[in-house]
Amino acid sequence: MSVLIQQRCRIHPDREAAVRCPLCQRFYCRECVVEHDGRMMCAYCIGQLAKTPEPRKSSTAVWGILSLTGFLMVWLIFYYFGMGLARVPSSFFGGTP
């Protein structure tokens, strides 16, 4: 804690530092930091976190493959169901009630 008392704010040199930013490791006064995810961080580092895009998953390709697979599965089910009905002998359908 004694190291923090001797430090000055990077933006306001006339003020004592209250917090050390965990990302850039610079010292800031209370007016220059904001709480973010339970940590006190400087505005610059929070801005850099906001600018950093999260890696986007290629969900379009996955959904396309799943859709095509589903369509083929349904088509095969109906195709083989129809082929099974076509193989039923006509005598089965010609009965009297």
Protein backbone atom coordinates (compact mmCIF):
# COMPACT_ATOMS: atom_id res chain seq x y z
CA MET A 1 0.00 0.00 0.00
CA SER A 2 2.91 2.35 0.61
CA VAL A 3 3.76 2.21 -3.09
CA LEU A 4 0.25 3.39 -3.98
CA ILE A 5 0.45 6.39 -1.63
CA GLN A 6 3.59 7.65 -3.34
CA GLN A 7 2.06 7.43 -6.83
CA ARG A 8 0.20 10.18 -8.66
CA CYS A 9 -2.66 9.94 -11.14
CA ARG A 10 -1.51 9.65 -14.73
CA ILE A 11 -4.12 12.15 -15.94
CA HIS A 12 -4.24 14.43 -12.87
CA PRO A 13 -0.67 14.74 -11.54
CA ASP A 14 -1.78 16.89 -8.61
CA ARG A 15 -3.91 14.04 -7.18
CA GLU A 16 -2.83 10.91 -5.36
CA ALA A 17 -3.43 7.62 -7.10
CA ALA A 18 -6.20 5.44 -5.67
CA VAL A 19 -6.18 2.52 -8.10
CA ARG A 20 -3.77 0.69 -10.36
CA CYS A 21 -5.39 -0.49 -13.59
CA PRO A 22 -4.95 -4.27 -13.88
CA LEU A 23 -4.50 -4.15 -17.67
CA CYS A 24 -2.16 -1.24 -18.33
CA GLN A 25 -0.60 -1.22 -14.83
CA ARG A 26 -0.83 2.58 -14.57
CA PHE A 27 -2.01 4.52 -11.53
CA TYR A 28 -5.19 6.63 -11.52
CA CYS A 29 -7.27 8.69 -9.11
CA ARG A 30 -10.86 7.78 -8.22
CA GLU A 31 -12.33 10.03 -10.93
CA CYS A 32 -10.36 8.32 -13.69
CA VAL A 33 -11.42 4.72 -13.07
CA VAL A 34 -14.63 2.76 -13.56
CA GLU A 35 -15.68 -0.58 -12.12
CA HIS A 36 -15.88 -3.24 -14.83
CA ASP A 37 -16.49 -6.93 -14.08
CA GLY A 38 -15.59 -6.44 -10.44
CA ARG A 39 -12.31 -4.67 -11.24
CA MET A 40 -11.43 -1.00 -11.23
CA MET A 41 -10.10 -0.13 -14.69
CA CYS A 42 -9.17 3.03 -16.55
CA ALA A 43 -11.44 4.36 -19.28
CA TYR A 44 -8.85 3.71 -21.98
CA CYS A 45 -8.60 -0.01 -21.17
CA ILE A 46 -12.40 -0.33 -21.01
CA GLY A 47 -12.57 1.33 -24.43
CA GLN A 48 -10.02 -1.14 -25.78
CA LEU A 49 -12.06 -4.04 -24.40
CA ALA A 50 -15.18 -2.68 -26.13
CA LYS A 51 -13.35 -2.30 -29.45
CA THR A 52 -11.95 -5.82 -29.39
CA PRO A 53 -14.44 -7.94 -31.31
CA GLU A 54 -15.17 -11.38 -29.97
CA PRO A 55 -14.34 -14.14 -32.39
CA ARG A 56 -17.49 -14.85 -34.35
CA LYS A 57 -18.40 -18.45 -34.80
CA SER A 58 -19.26 -19.55 -38.28
CA SER A 59 -22.82 -20.47 -37.41
CA THR A 60 -24.06 -19.87 -40.97
CA ALA A 61 -22.00 -22.73 -42.35
CA VAL A 62 -23.00 -25.04 -39.51
CA TRP A 63 -26.71 -24.24 -39.95
CA GLY A 64 -26.41 -24.75 -43.70
CA ILE A 65 -24.86 -28.18 -43.26
CA LEU A 66 -27.44 -29.17 -40.64
CA SER A 67 -30.31 -27.98 -42.85
CA LEU A 68 -29.02 -29.90 -45.85
CA THR A 69 -28.50 -33.03 -43.75
CA GLY A 70 -32.02 -32.75 -42.31
CA PHE A 71 -33.54 -32.28 -45.75
CA LEU A 72 -31.72 -35.34 -47.10
CA MET A 73 -32.78 -37.44 -44.12
CA VAL A 74 -36.45 -36.51 -44.55
CA TRP A 75 -36.24 -37.14 -48.30
CA LEU A 76 -34.71 -40.58 -47.75
CA ILE A 77 -37.34 -41.51 -45.17
CA PHE A 78 -40.21 -40.57 -47.51
CA TYR A 79 -38.49 -42.19 -50.49
CA TYR A 80 -38.03 -45.54 -48.78
CA PHE A 81 -41.51 -45.36 -47.23
CA GLY A 82 -42.95 -44.86 -50.74
CA MET A 83 -40.82 -47.69 -52.12
CA GLY A 84 -42.12 -49.94 -49.35
CA LEU A 85 -45.71 -49.05 -50.17
CA ALA A 86 -45.07 -49.69 -53.86
CA ARG A 87 -43.84 -53.21 -53.05
CA VAL A 88 -47.01 -54.15 -51.18
CA PRO A 89 -48.99 -56.60 -53.36
CA SER A 90 -52.15 -55.23 -54.96
CA SER A 91 -54.16 -58.07 -53.42
CA PHE A 92 -53.63 -56.41 -50.04
CA PHE A 93 -55.58 -53.34 -51.20
CA GLY A 94 -58.32 -55.21 -53.14
CA GLY A 95 -60.06 -56.78 -50.15
CA THR A 96 -63.81 -56.39 -49.49
CA PRO A 97 -65.05 -54.64 -46.36
